[in-house]
Amino acid sequence: MKKGKVVLVGTGMVGMSMAYSMLNQGGVNELILIDIDKDKTKGEEMDLAHGLPYAPQKMVIRAADYDECKDAQIVVITAGVAQKPGQTRLELAEVNTKIMKQITESIMASGFNGIIVVASNPVDLMTYVVAEVSGLPKNKVIGSGTVLDTARLRYIMADYLKISSKNIHAYIMGEHGDSSFVPWKHAYVGCKRIADVMKDNHHPMEDLEKIHKDVVDAAYEIIEKKRATYYGIGMALNRLVKAILNNENSILTVSTYLKDGQYGQDDIYIGVPAIINSNGVRELLDLDLAEDEQAKLDHSCKLIKEMREQSIDKIIKG
């Protein structure tokens, strides 16, 4: 395994936003680009490589094929189709399950034994698909989960409270989507509970729910204005990859595998705070949730499991 070697599968806007942030921030030694559109991938390689003289470190950037996965430390999957108007979430999931299955089989055929990061939507379900098809240990298959949602939350909270986002310690949990939630009793500004901060500054508590609503609505608003979101998730993926490459033991809200009654669940991928290092997920943080928060998590998991039973498991077994 080559330390610092990352393979990106999918050179659309999300994948390339991640690649561009890697080029700017450094930390990756080798970046391999794979996509069904070979010409575009070669063009992306050239365009990125021309920025290397101004990058913080030397980096090998190449358009290639799946055999390059064999000695990679991390493979990031951003490939997949976007939801079409009128298409149900299940229909989207079925299309992307077929794509994920094919991609994962190609990755594993190379002899790959590193960590796979999944960003394709619906991400919790697609992470499960990749884990099942790859046969890798569950801690080595991670979804981007609510890493971006959490960044949006911290940004909006920081703006509201006029405090640096680096000192906002709050998390979005659950499904990456409308049924996500914030465990507010575990939210802090520095080392002070958010409830106390709101009270001491005479902020109405209802504003917290408005902040969460703004987080959920953010993607819709961006898509309405510019058709897609990619810079935020590109940065979020780079952050996650760095936590793995640098063996950071950082806490990130990834889509990770719950089993044996963790959060009252079993055999499911969902967004919860987890400790990330070079082995993938070291452990997850089991938070004590309020009753309504637990209900939201249960509801998310129920929706995901229903989709699995309806058709996803059949496609995986194929």
C-alpha atoms as a PDB file:
ATOM      1  CA  MET A   1       0.000   0.000   0.000  1.00  0.00           C
ATOM      2  CA  LYS A   2       1.381   3.414  -1.001  1.00  0.00           C
ATOM      3  CA  LYS A   3       0.967   5.955   1.774  1.00  0.00           C
ATOM      4  CA  GLY A   4      -0.720   9.100   0.525  1.00  0.00           C
ATOM      5  CA  LYS A   5      -2.066   7.477  -2.653  1.00  0.00           C
ATOM      6  CA  VAL A   6      -5.723   8.380  -3.270  1.00  0.00           C
ATOM      7  CA  VAL A   7      -7.920   7.163  -6.125  1.00  0.00           C
ATOM      8  CA  LEU A   8     -10.938   9.244  -7.110  1.00  0.00           C
ATOM      9  CA  VAL A   9     -13.728   7.433  -8.978  1.00  0.00           C
ATOM     10  CA  GLY A  10     -15.984  10.022 -10.616  1.00  0.00           C
ATOM     11  CA  THR A  11     -14.609  13.243 -12.119  1.00  0.00           C
ATOM     12  CA  GLY A  12     -17.811  15.276 -11.921  1.00  0.00           C
ATOM     13  CA  MET A  13     -18.071  18.567 -10.019  1.00  0.00           C
ATOM     14  CA  VAL A  14     -18.013  16.942  -6.549  1.00  0.00           C
ATOM     15  CA  GLY A  15     -14.983  14.785  -7.277  1.00  0.00           C
ATOM     16  CA  MET A  16     -13.070  17.584  -8.952  1.00  0.00           C
ATOM     17  CA  SER A  17     -13.872  20.055  -6.164  1.00  0.00           C
ATOM     18  CA  MET A  18     -12.266  17.546  -3.781  1.00  0.00           C
ATOM     19  CA  ALA A  19      -9.294  17.113  -6.118  1.00  0.00           C
ATOM     20  CA  TYR A  20      -8.844  20.885  -6.404  1.00  0.00           C
ATOM     21  CA  SER A  21      -8.898  21.354  -2.645  1.00  0.00           C
ATOM     22  CA  MET A  22      -6.305  18.553  -2.314  1.00  0.00           C
ATOM     23  CA  LEU A  23      -4.105  20.334  -4.851  1.00  0.00           C
ATOM     24  CA  ASN A  24      -4.394  23.576  -2.863  1.00  0.00           C
ATOM     25  CA  GLN A  25      -3.979  22.148   0.622  1.00  0.00           C
ATOM     26  CA  GLY A  26      -1.470  19.352   0.008  1.00  0.00           C
ATOM     27  CA  GLY A  27      -1.222  16.171   2.084  1.00  0.00           C
ATOM     28  CA  VAL A  28      -1.793  13.778  -0.831  1.00  0.00           C
ATOM     29  CA  ASN A  29       1.236  12.298  -2.638  1.00  0.00           C
ATOM     30  CA  GLU A  30      -0.563  10.719  -5.573  1.00  0.00           C
ATOM     31  CA  LEU A  31      -4.037  11.341  -6.983  1.00  0.00           C
ATOM     32  CA  ILE A  32      -5.441   8.930  -9.565  1.00  0.00           C
ATOM     33  CA  LEU A  33      -8.535   9.951 -11.534  1.00  0.00           C
ATOM     34  CA  ILE A  34     -10.965   7.339 -12.890  1.00  0.00           C
ATOM     35  CA  ASP A  35     -14.145   7.980 -14.861  1.00  0.00           C
ATOM     36  CA  ILE A  36     -16.159   6.350 -17.620  1.00  0.00           C
ATOM     37  CA  ASP A  37     -15.489   9.500 -19.725  1.00  0.00           C
ATOM     38  CA  LYS A  38     -11.781   8.989 -20.495  1.00  0.00           C
ATOM     39  CA  ASP A  39     -11.323  12.224 -22.441  1.00  0.00           C
ATOM     40  CA  LYS A  40     -12.767  14.360 -19.671  1.00  0.00           C
ATOM     41  CA  THR A  41     -10.591  12.556 -17.097  1.00  0.00           C
ATOM     42  CA  LYS A  42      -7.448  13.232 -19.139  1.00  0.00           C
ATOM     43  CA  GLY A  43      -8.488  16.886 -19.462  1.00  0.00           C
ATOM     44  CA  GLU A  44      -8.985  17.120 -15.686  1.00  0.00           C
ATOM     45  CA  GLU A  45      -5.542  15.578 -15.110  1.00  0.00           C
ATOM     46  CA  MET A  46      -3.917  18.179 -17.391  1.00  0.00           C
ATOM     47  CA  ASP A  47      -5.841  21.113 -15.915  1.00  0.00           C
ATOM     48  CA  LEU A  48      -4.983  20.169 -12.312  1.00  0.00           C
ATOM     49  CA  ALA A  49      -1.352  19.351 -13.127  1.00  0.00           C
ATOM     50  CA  HIS A  50      -0.826  22.817 -14.616  1.00  0.00           C
ATOM     51  CA  GLY A  51      -1.466  24.244 -11.134  1.00  0.00           C
ATOM     52  CA  LEU A  52       1.286  22.127  -9.529  1.00  0.00           C
ATOM     53  CA  PRO A  53       4.008  24.808  -9.773  1.00  0.00           C
ATOM     54  CA  TYR A  54       1.918  26.887  -7.338  1.00  0.00           C
ATOM     55  CA  ALA A  55       0.840  23.993  -5.080  1.00  0.00           C
ATOM     56  CA  PRO A  56       2.234  23.570  -1.524  1.00  0.00           C
ATOM     57  CA  GLN A  57       3.808  20.190  -2.302  1.00  0.00           C
ATOM     58  CA  LYS A  58       4.792  17.838  -5.086  1.00  0.00           C
ATOM     59  CA  MET A  59       1.932  15.600  -6.175  1.00  0.00           C
ATOM     60  CA  VAL A  60       1.508  13.007  -8.907  1.00  0.00           C
ATOM     61  CA  ILE A  61      -1.816  13.438 -10.756  1.00  0.00           C
ATOM     62  CA  ARG A  62      -2.819  10.850 -13.348  1.00  0.00           C
ATOM     63  CA  ALA A  63      -5.884   9.726 -15.276  1.00  0.00           C
ATOM     64  CA  ALA A  64      -5.852   5.921 -15.150  1.00  0.00           C
ATOM     65  CA  ASP A  65      -7.938   2.795 -14.616  1.00  0.00           C
ATOM     66  CA  TYR A  66      -9.024   0.494 -11.789  1.00  0.00           C
ATOM     67  CA  ASP A  67      -5.761  -1.500 -11.671  1.00  0.00           C
ATOM     68  CA  GLU A  68      -4.290   1.591  -9.934  1.00  0.00           C
ATOM     69  CA  CYS A  69      -6.489   0.863  -6.897  1.00  0.00           C
ATOM     70  CA  LYS A  70      -4.380  -2.143  -5.881  1.00  0.00           C
ATOM     71  CA  ASP A  71      -1.859  -0.193  -3.792  1.00  0.00           C
ATOM     72  CA  ALA A  72      -3.973   2.873  -2.960  1.00  0.00           C
ATOM     73  CA  GLN A  73      -4.488   3.877   0.661  1.00  0.00           C
ATOM     74  CA  ILE A  74      -7.945   5.364  -0.043  1.00  0.00           C
ATOM     75  CA  VAL A  75     -10.484   5.170  -2.853  1.00  0.00           C
ATOM     76  CA  VAL A  76     -13.115   7.940  -2.911  1.00  0.00           C
ATOM     77  CA  ILE A  77     -16.299   7.270  -4.894  1.00  0.00           C
ATOM     78  CA  THR A  78     -18.232  10.329  -6.090  1.00  0.00           C
ATOM     79  CA  ALA A  79     -19.671   8.732  -9.246  1.00  0.00           C
ATOM     80  CA  GLY A  80     -23.390   8.254  -9.747  1.00  0.00           C
ATOM     81  CA  VAL A  81     -26.350  10.002 -11.302  1.00  0.00           C
ATOM     82  CA  ALA A  82     -28.193  12.994  -9.869  1.00  0.00           C
ATOM     83  CA  GLN A  83     -31.909  12.811  -9.091  1.00  0.00           C
ATOM     84  CA  LYS A  84     -34.014  13.683 -12.134  1.00  0.00           C
ATOM     85  CA  PRO A  85     -37.254  15.696 -11.898  1.00  0.00           C
ATOM     86  CA  GLY A  86     -40.109  13.347 -11.010  1.00  0.00           C
ATOM     87  CA  GLN A  87     -37.743  10.504 -10.074  1.00  0.00           C
ATOM     88  CA  THR A  88     -38.408   8.949  -6.660  1.00  0.00           C
ATOM     89  CA  ARG A  89     -35.650   8.475  -4.110  1.00  0.00           C
ATOM     90  CA  LEU A  90     -35.993   4.702  -4.467  1.00  0.00           C
ATOM     91  CA  GLU A  91     -35.610   4.897  -8.268  1.00  0.00           C
ATOM     92  CA  LEU A  92     -32.456   7.001  -7.824  1.00  0.00           C
ATOM     93  CA  ALA A  93     -31.162   4.517  -5.238  1.00  0.00           C
ATOM     94  CA  GLU A  94     -31.735   1.590  -7.604  1.00  0.00           C
ATOM     95  CA  VAL A  95     -29.852   3.257 -10.485  1.00  0.00           C
ATOM     96  CA  ASN A  96     -26.939   4.246  -8.252  1.00  0.00           C
ATOM     97  CA  THR A  97     -26.829   0.817  -6.550  1.00  0.00           C
ATOM     98  CA  LYS A  98     -26.117  -0.762  -9.941  1.00  0.00           C
ATOM     99  CA  ILE A  99     -23.364   1.810 -10.575  1.00  0.00           C
ATOM    100  CA  MET A 100     -21.872   1.329  -7.061  1.00  0.00           C
ATOM    101  CA  LYS A 101     -21.885  -2.443  -7.467  1.00  0.00           C
ATOM    102  CA  GLN A 102     -20.001  -2.264 -10.767  1.00  0.00           C
ATOM    103  CA  ILE A 103     -17.467   0.265  -9.424  1.00  0.00           C
ATOM    104  CA  THR A 104     -16.865  -1.689  -6.203  1.00  0.00           C
ATOM    105  CA  GLU A 105     -16.332  -4.957  -8.076  1.00  0.00           C
ATOM    106  CA  SER A 106     -13.771  -3.213 -10.317  1.00  0.00           C
ATOM    107  CA  ILE A 107     -11.968  -1.733  -7.280  1.00  0.00           C
ATOM    108  CA  MET A 108     -11.803  -5.074  -5.456  1.00  0.00           C
ATOM    109  CA  ALA A 109     -10.684  -6.976  -8.590  1.00  0.00           C
ATOM    110  CA  SER A 110      -7.429  -4.950  -8.436  1.00  0.00           C
ATOM    111  CA  GLY A 111      -6.558  -6.493  -5.054  1.00  0.00           C
ATOM    112  CA  PHE A 112      -7.390  -3.281  -3.149  1.00  0.00           C
ATOM    113  CA  ASN A 113      -7.233  -3.538   0.640  1.00  0.00           C
ATOM    114  CA  GLY A 114      -7.441   0.056   1.852  1.00  0.00           C
ATOM    115  CA  ILE A 115     -10.306   2.320   2.884  1.00  0.00           C
ATOM    116  CA  ILE A 116     -13.245   3.310   0.680  1.00  0.00           C
ATOM    117  CA  VAL A 117     -14.956   6.685   1.187  1.00  0.00           C
ATOM    118  CA  VAL A 118     -18.402   6.974  -0.431  1.00  0.00           C
ATOM    119  CA  ALA A 119     -20.011  10.307  -1.334  1.00  0.00           C
ATOM    120  CA  SER A 120     -22.622   9.156  -3.889  1.00  0.00           C
ATOM    121  CA  ASN A 121     -26.283   9.673  -2.985  1.00  0.00           C
ATOM    122  CA  PRO A 122     -28.326   8.544  -1.162  1.00  0.00           C
ATOM    123  CA  VAL A 123     -25.049   8.269   0.746  1.00  0.00           C
ATOM    124  CA  ASP A 124     -26.072   6.113   3.735  1.00  0.00           C
ATOM    125  CA  LEU A 125     -27.587   3.523   1.426  1.00  0.00           C
ATOM    126  CA  MET A 126     -24.729   3.648  -1.114  1.00  0.00           C
ATOM    127  CA  THR A 127     -22.162   3.163   1.687  1.00  0.00           C
ATOM    128  CA  TYR A 128     -24.033   0.018   2.727  1.00  0.00           C
ATOM    129  CA  VAL A 129     -23.994  -1.203  -0.908  1.00  0.00           C
ATOM    130  CA  VAL A 130     -20.219  -0.673  -1.208  1.00  0.00           C
ATOM    131  CA  ALA A 131     -19.609  -2.413   2.144  1.00  0.00           C
ATOM    132  CA  GLU A 132     -21.710  -5.423   1.141  1.00  0.00           C
ATOM    133  CA  VAL A 133     -20.224  -5.781  -2.364  1.00  0.00           C
ATOM    134  CA  SER A 134     -16.599  -5.170  -1.296  1.00  0.00           C
ATOM    135  CA  GLY A 135     -16.614  -7.549   1.663  1.00  0.00           C
ATOM    136  CA  LEU A 136     -14.164  -5.185   3.413  1.00  0.00           C
ATOM    137  CA  PRO A 137     -14.366  -4.836   7.209  1.00  0.00           C
ATOM    138  CA  LYS A 138     -17.187  -2.389   7.982  1.00  0.00           C
ATOM    139  CA  ASN A 139     -14.811   0.125   9.631  1.00  0.00           C
ATOM    140  CA  LYS A 140     -12.961   0.431   6.297  1.00  0.00           C
ATOM    141  CA  VAL A 141     -16.024   1.593   4.327  1.00  0.00           C
ATOM    142  CA  ILE A 142     -17.122   5.102   5.306  1.00  0.00           C
ATOM    143  CA  GLY A 143     -19.762   7.415   3.879  1.00  0.00           C
ATOM    144  CA  SER A 144     -19.459  11.197   3.829  1.00  0.00           C
ATOM    145  CA  GLY A 145     -22.620  11.082   5.976  1.00  0.00           C
ATOM    146  CA  THR A 146     -23.412  14.421   7.572  1.00  0.00           C
ATOM    147  CA  VAL A 147     -19.883  15.872   7.421  1.00  0.00           C
ATOM    148  CA  LEU A 148     -21.087  18.626   5.068  1.00  0.00           C
ATOM    149  CA  ASP A 149     -24.348  19.154   6.982  1.00  0.00           C
ATOM    150  CA  THR A 150     -22.285  19.593  10.172  1.00  0.00           C
ATOM    151  CA  ALA A 151     -20.051  22.160   8.447  1.00  0.00           C
ATOM    152  CA  ARG A 152     -23.148  24.065   7.290  1.00  0.00           C
ATOM    153  CA  LEU A 153     -24.525  23.963  10.847  1.00  0.00           C
ATOM    154  CA  ARG A 154     -21.299  25.339  12.340  1.00  0.00           C
ATOM    155  CA  TYR A 155     -21.048  28.053   9.712  1.00  0.00           C
ATOM    156  CA  ILE A 156     -24.635  29.251  10.276  1.00  0.00           C
ATOM    157  CA  MET A 157     -24.305  29.039  14.086  1.00  0.00           C
ATOM    158  CA  ALA A 158     -21.016  30.968  13.975  1.00  0.00           C
ATOM    159  CA  ASP A 159     -22.609  33.659  11.854  1.00  0.00           C
ATOM    160  CA  TYR A 160     -25.600  33.899  14.223  1.00  0.00           C
ATOM    161  CA  LEU A 161     -23.527  33.984  17.445  1.00  0.00           C
ATOM    162  CA  LYS A 162     -20.605  36.010  16.008  1.00  0.00           C
ATOM    163  CA  ILE A 163     -18.152  33.328  17.210  1.00  0.00           C
ATOM    164  CA  SER A 164     -15.470  31.564  15.150  1.00  0.00           C
ATOM    165  CA  SER A 165     -16.846  28.398  13.517  1.00  0.00           C
ATOM    166  CA  LYS A 166     -13.726  26.605  14.851  1.00  0.00           C
ATOM    167  CA  ASN A 167     -15.189  27.036  18.366  1.00  0.00           C
ATOM    168  CA  ILE A 168     -18.647  25.712  17.534  1.00  0.00           C
ATOM    169  CA  HIS A 169     -18.885  22.077  18.643  1.00  0.00           C
ATOM    170  CA  ALA A 170     -22.206  20.863  17.300  1.00  0.00           C
ATOM    171  CA  TYR A 171     -23.166  17.958  15.066  1.00  0.00           C
ATOM    172  CA  ILE A 172     -25.833  17.017  12.558  1.00  0.00           C
ATOM    173  CA  MET A 173     -26.746  13.348  12.885  1.00  0.00           C
ATOM    174  CA  GLY A 174     -28.927  10.827  11.085  1.00  0.00           C
ATOM    175  CA  GLU A 175     -29.560  10.533   7.394  1.00  0.00           C
ATOM    176  CA  HIS A 176     -27.873  12.942   5.002  1.00  0.00           C
ATOM    177  CA  GLY A 177     -31.124  14.608   4.042  1.00  0.00           C
ATOM    178  CA  ASP A 178     -34.360  16.067   5.334  1.00  0.00           C
ATOM    179  CA  SER A 179     -34.673  13.724   8.319  1.00  0.00           C
ATOM    180  CA  SER A 180     -31.382  14.808   9.905  1.00  0.00           C
ATOM    181  CA  PHE A 181     -31.336  16.355  13.381  1.00  0.00           C
ATOM    182  CA  VAL A 182     -29.100  18.230  15.834  1.00  0.00           C
ATOM    183  CA  PRO A 183     -28.609  16.734  19.319  1.00  0.00           C
ATOM    184  CA  TRP A 184     -28.724  20.192  20.925  1.00  0.00           C
ATOM    185  CA  LYS A 185     -27.867  19.069  24.445  1.00  0.00           C
ATOM    186  CA  HIS A 186     -24.500  17.932  23.056  1.00  0.00           C
ATOM    187  CA  ALA A 187     -23.871  21.272  21.304  1.00  0.00           C
ATOM    188  CA  TYR A 188     -21.255  23.611  22.756  1.00  0.00           C
ATOM    189  CA  VAL A 189     -19.714  26.997  22.075  1.00  0.00           C
ATOM    190  CA  GLY A 190     -16.172  26.516  23.320  1.00  0.00           C
ATOM    191  CA  CYS A 191     -16.853  24.594  26.534  1.00  0.00           C
ATOM    192  CA  LYS A 192     -20.223  26.235  27.247  1.00  0.00           C
ATOM    193  CA  ARG A 193     -23.519  24.538  26.472  1.00  0.00           C
ATOM    194  CA  ILE A 194     -25.438  26.127  23.611  1.00  0.00           C
ATOM    195  CA  ALA A 195     -28.601  26.348  25.767  1.00  0.00           C
ATOM    196  CA  ASP A 196     -26.704  28.502  28.296  1.00  0.00           C
ATOM    197  CA  VAL A 197     -25.163  30.653  25.547  1.00  0.00           C
ATOM    198  CA  MET A 198     -28.631  31.324  24.088  1.00  0.00           C
ATOM    199  CA  LYS A 199     -30.073  32.150  27.517  1.00  0.00           C
ATOM    200  CA  ASP A 200     -27.195  34.404  28.618  1.00  0.00           C
ATOM    201  CA  ASN A 201     -27.358  36.372  25.361  1.00  0.00           C
ATOM    202  CA  HIS A 202     -31.169  36.619  25.403  1.00  0.00           C
ATOM    203  CA  HIS A 203     -31.488  34.701  22.134  1.00  0.00           C
ATOM    204  CA  PRO A 204     -34.844  32.901  21.702  1.00  0.00           C
ATOM    205  CA  MET A 205     -34.399  29.096  21.849  1.00  0.00           C
ATOM    206  CA  GLU A 206     -36.651  28.756  18.766  1.00  0.00           C
ATOM    207  CA  ASP A 207     -33.792  30.226  16.740  1.00  0.00           C
ATOM    208  CA  LEU A 208     -31.930  26.922  17.103  1.00  0.00           C
ATOM    209  CA  GLU A 209     -34.641  25.130  15.150  1.00  0.00           C
ATOM    210  CA  LYS A 210     -34.554  27.875  12.536  1.00  0.00           C
ATOM    211  CA  ILE A 211     -30.776  27.323  12.230  1.00  0.00           C
ATOM    212  CA  HIS A 212     -31.354  23.602  11.659  1.00  0.00           C
ATOM    213  CA  LYS A 213     -34.024  24.375   9.057  1.00  0.00           C
ATOM    214  CA  ASP A 214     -31.560  26.685   7.271  1.00  0.00           C
ATOM    215  CA  VAL A 215     -29.059  23.800   7.167  1.00  0.00           C
ATOM    216  CA  VAL A 216     -31.625  21.422   5.648  1.00  0.00           C
ATOM    217  CA  ASP A 217     -32.793  24.054   3.145  1.00  0.00           C
ATOM    218  CA  ALA A 218     -29.247  25.115   2.153  1.00  0.00           C
ATOM    219  CA  ALA A 219     -28.773  22.451  -0.524  1.00  0.00           C
ATOM    220  CA  TYR A 220     -32.158  23.212  -2.115  1.00  0.00           C
ATOM    221  CA  GLU A 221     -31.360  26.915  -2.177  1.00  0.00           C
ATOM    222  CA  ILE A 222     -27.923  26.388  -3.744  1.00  0.00           C
ATOM    223  CA  ILE A 223     -29.335  23.972  -6.357  1.00  0.00           C
ATOM    224  CA  GLU A 224     -32.070  26.482  -7.209  1.00  0.00           C
ATOM    225  CA  LYS A 225     -29.493  29.239  -7.660  1.00  0.00           C
ATOM    226  CA  LYS A 226     -26.604  27.371  -9.352  1.00  0.00           C
ATOM    227  CA  ARG A 227     -27.982  23.880 -10.145  1.00  0.00           C
ATOM    228  CA  ALA A 228     -25.618  21.859  -7.933  1.00  0.00           C
ATOM    229  CA  THR A 229     -23.544  21.907  -4.741  1.00  0.00           C
ATOM    230  CA  TYR A 230     -19.919  20.840  -4.919  1.00  0.00           C
ATOM    231  CA  TYR A 231     -17.385  23.145  -3.210  1.00  0.00           C
ATOM    232  CA  GLY A 232     -18.645  22.423   0.317  1.00  0.00           C
ATOM    233  CA  ILE A 233     -18.742  18.649  -0.152  1.00  0.00           C
ATOM    234  CA  GLY A 234     -15.362  18.786  -1.956  1.00  0.00           C
ATOM    235  CA  MET A 235     -13.807  20.442   1.118  1.00  0.00           C
ATOM    236  CA  ALA A 236     -15.637  18.033   3.451  1.00  0.00           C
ATOM    237  CA  LEU A 237     -14.306  14.998   1.554  1.00  0.00           C
ATOM    238  CA  ASN A 238     -10.789  16.410   1.621  1.00  0.00           C
ATOM    239  CA  ARG A 239     -11.137  16.877   5.388  1.00  0.00           C
ATOM    240  CA  LEU A 240     -12.239  13.248   5.812  1.00  0.00           C
ATOM    241  CA  VAL A 241      -9.441  11.910   3.592  1.00  0.00           C
ATOM    242  CA  LYS A 242      -6.845  13.915   5.558  1.00  0.00           C
ATOM    243  CA  ALA A 243      -8.116  12.495   8.860  1.00  0.00           C
ATOM    244  CA  ILE A 244      -7.428   9.010   7.464  1.00  0.00           C
ATOM    245  CA  LEU A 245      -4.080   9.792   5.788  1.00  0.00           C
ATOM    246  CA  ASN A 246      -2.706  11.579   8.868  1.00  0.00           C
ATOM    247  CA  ASN A 247      -4.040   9.026  11.384  1.00  0.00           C
ATOM    248  CA  GLU A 248      -5.669  11.949  13.192  1.00  0.00           C
ATOM    249  CA  ASN A 249      -8.192  10.258  15.509  1.00  0.00           C
ATOM    250  CA  SER A 250     -10.508  13.169  14.636  1.00  0.00           C
ATOM    251  CA  ILE A 251     -14.237  13.168  15.341  1.00  0.00           C
ATOM    252  CA  LEU A 252     -16.350  13.503  12.184  1.00  0.00           C
ATOM    253  CA  THR A 253     -20.021  12.769  11.532  1.00  0.00           C
ATOM    254  CA  VAL A 254     -19.557  10.073   8.921  1.00  0.00           C
ATOM    255  CA  SER A 255     -21.967   7.448   7.701  1.00  0.00           C
ATOM    256  CA  THR A 256     -20.751   4.477   9.680  1.00  0.00           C
ATOM    257  CA  TYR A 257     -21.953   0.989  10.540  1.00  0.00           C
ATOM    258  CA  LEU A 258     -24.148   0.499  13.594  1.00  0.00           C
ATOM    259  CA  LYS A 259     -24.462  -2.978  15.102  1.00  0.00           C
ATOM    260  CA  ASP A 260     -25.495  -4.755  18.299  1.00  0.00           C
ATOM    261  CA  GLY A 261     -27.945  -2.082  19.388  1.00  0.00           C
ATOM    262  CA  GLN A 262     -25.697   0.989  19.008  1.00  0.00           C
ATOM    263  CA  TYR A 263     -28.157   3.929  19.033  1.00  0.00           C
ATOM    264  CA  GLY A 264     -30.840   1.244  19.254  1.00  0.00           C
ATOM    265  CA  GLN A 265     -29.963   0.008  15.760  1.00  0.00           C
ATOM    266  CA  ASP A 266     -28.357  -2.978  14.061  1.00  0.00           C
ATOM    267  CA  ASP A 267     -26.857  -3.649  10.621  1.00  0.00           C
ATOM    268  CA  ILE A 268     -27.203  -0.164   9.141  1.00  0.00           C
ATOM    269  CA  TYR A 269     -25.064   2.744   7.928  1.00  0.00           C
ATOM    270  CA  ILE A 270     -26.134   6.171   9.241  1.00  0.00           C
ATOM    271  CA  GLY A 271     -24.465   9.502  10.135  1.00  0.00           C
ATOM    272  CA  VAL A 272     -23.109   9.589  13.704  1.00  0.00           C
ATOM    273  CA  PRO A 273     -19.974  11.125  15.270  1.00  0.00           C
ATOM    274  CA  ALA A 274     -17.052   8.710  14.911  1.00  0.00           C
ATOM    275  CA  ILE A 275     -13.313   8.730  15.585  1.00  0.00           C
ATOM    276  CA  ILE A 276     -11.458   8.523  12.264  1.00  0.00           C
ATOM    277  CA  ASN A 277      -7.851   7.375  11.830  1.00  0.00           C
ATOM    278  CA  SER A 278      -5.719   5.394   9.369  1.00  0.00           C
ATOM    279  CA  ASN A 279      -7.807   2.260  10.022  1.00  0.00           C
ATOM    280  CA  GLY A 280     -11.011   4.073   9.066  1.00  0.00           C
ATOM    281  CA  VAL A 281     -13.557   4.219  11.881  1.00  0.00           C
ATOM    282  CA  ARG A 282     -11.769   3.512  15.174  1.00  0.00           C
ATOM    283  CA  GLU A 283     -14.964   3.753  17.214  1.00  0.00           C
ATOM    284  CA  LEU A 284     -18.187   5.701  17.248  1.00  0.00           C
ATOM    285  CA  LEU A 285     -19.353   8.050  19.967  1.00  0.00           C
ATOM    286  CA  ASP A 286     -22.515   6.694  21.552  1.00  0.00           C
ATOM    287  CA  LEU A 287     -24.401   9.837  22.594  1.00  0.00           C
ATOM    288  CA  ASP A 288     -27.385   9.890  24.893  1.00  0.00           C
ATOM    289  CA  LEU A 289     -30.158  11.246  22.659  1.00  0.00           C
ATOM    290  CA  ALA A 290     -33.365  12.994  23.666  1.00  0.00           C
ATOM    291  CA  GLU A 291     -36.528  11.003  22.944  1.00  0.00           C
ATOM    292  CA  ASP A 292     -37.510  13.059  19.867  1.00  0.00           C
ATOM    293  CA  GLU A 293     -33.935  12.819  18.488  1.00  0.00           C
ATOM    294  CA  GLN A 294     -33.910   9.032  18.904  1.00  0.00           C
ATOM    295  CA  ALA A 295     -37.275   8.917  17.115  1.00  0.00           C
ATOM    296  CA  LYS A 296     -35.802  10.875  14.177  1.00  0.00           C
ATOM    297  CA  LEU A 297     -32.819   8.511  13.975  1.00  0.00           C
ATOM    298  CA  ASP A 298     -35.133   5.480  14.127  1.00  0.00           C
ATOM    299  CA  HIS A 299     -37.291   6.988  11.364  1.00  0.00           C
ATOM    300  CA  SER A 300     -34.242   7.559   9.097  1.00  0.00           C
ATOM    301  CA  CYS A 301     -33.058   3.985   9.667  1.00  0.00           C
ATOM    302  CA  LYS A 302     -36.541   2.604   8.979  1.00  0.00           C
ATOM    303  CA  LEU A 303     -36.696   4.421   5.603  1.00  0.00           C
ATOM    304  CA  ILE A 304     -33.257   3.115   4.622  1.00  0.00           C
ATOM    305  CA  LYS A 305     -34.061  -0.472   5.635  1.00  0.00           C
ATOM    306  CA  GLU A 306     -37.359  -0.357   3.737  1.00  0.00           C
ATOM    307  CA  MET A 307     -35.519   0.635   0.537  1.00  0.00           C
ATOM    308  CA  ARG A 308     -33.005  -2.150   1.113  1.00  0.00           C
ATOM    309  CA  GLU A 309     -35.774  -4.721   1.485  1.00  0.00           C
ATOM    310  CA  GLN A 310     -37.778  -3.416  -1.496  1.00  0.00           C
ATOM    311  CA  SER A 311     -35.020  -3.803  -4.070  1.00  0.00           C
ATOM    312  CA  ILE A 312     -31.498  -2.793  -3.023  1.00  0.00           C
ATOM    313  CA  ASP A 313     -30.542  -6.147  -1.439  1.00  0.00           C
ATOM    314  CA  LYS A 314     -31.794  -7.979  -4.555  1.00  0.00           C
ATOM    315  CA  ILE A 315     -29.629  -5.772  -6.818  1.00  0.00           C
ATOM    316  CA  ILE A 316     -26.576  -6.400  -4.589  1.00  0.00           C
ATOM    317  CA  LYS A 317     -27.057 -10.183  -4.720  1.00  0.00           C
ATOM    318  CA  GLY A 318     -27.858  -9.795  -8.431  1.00  0.00           C
END
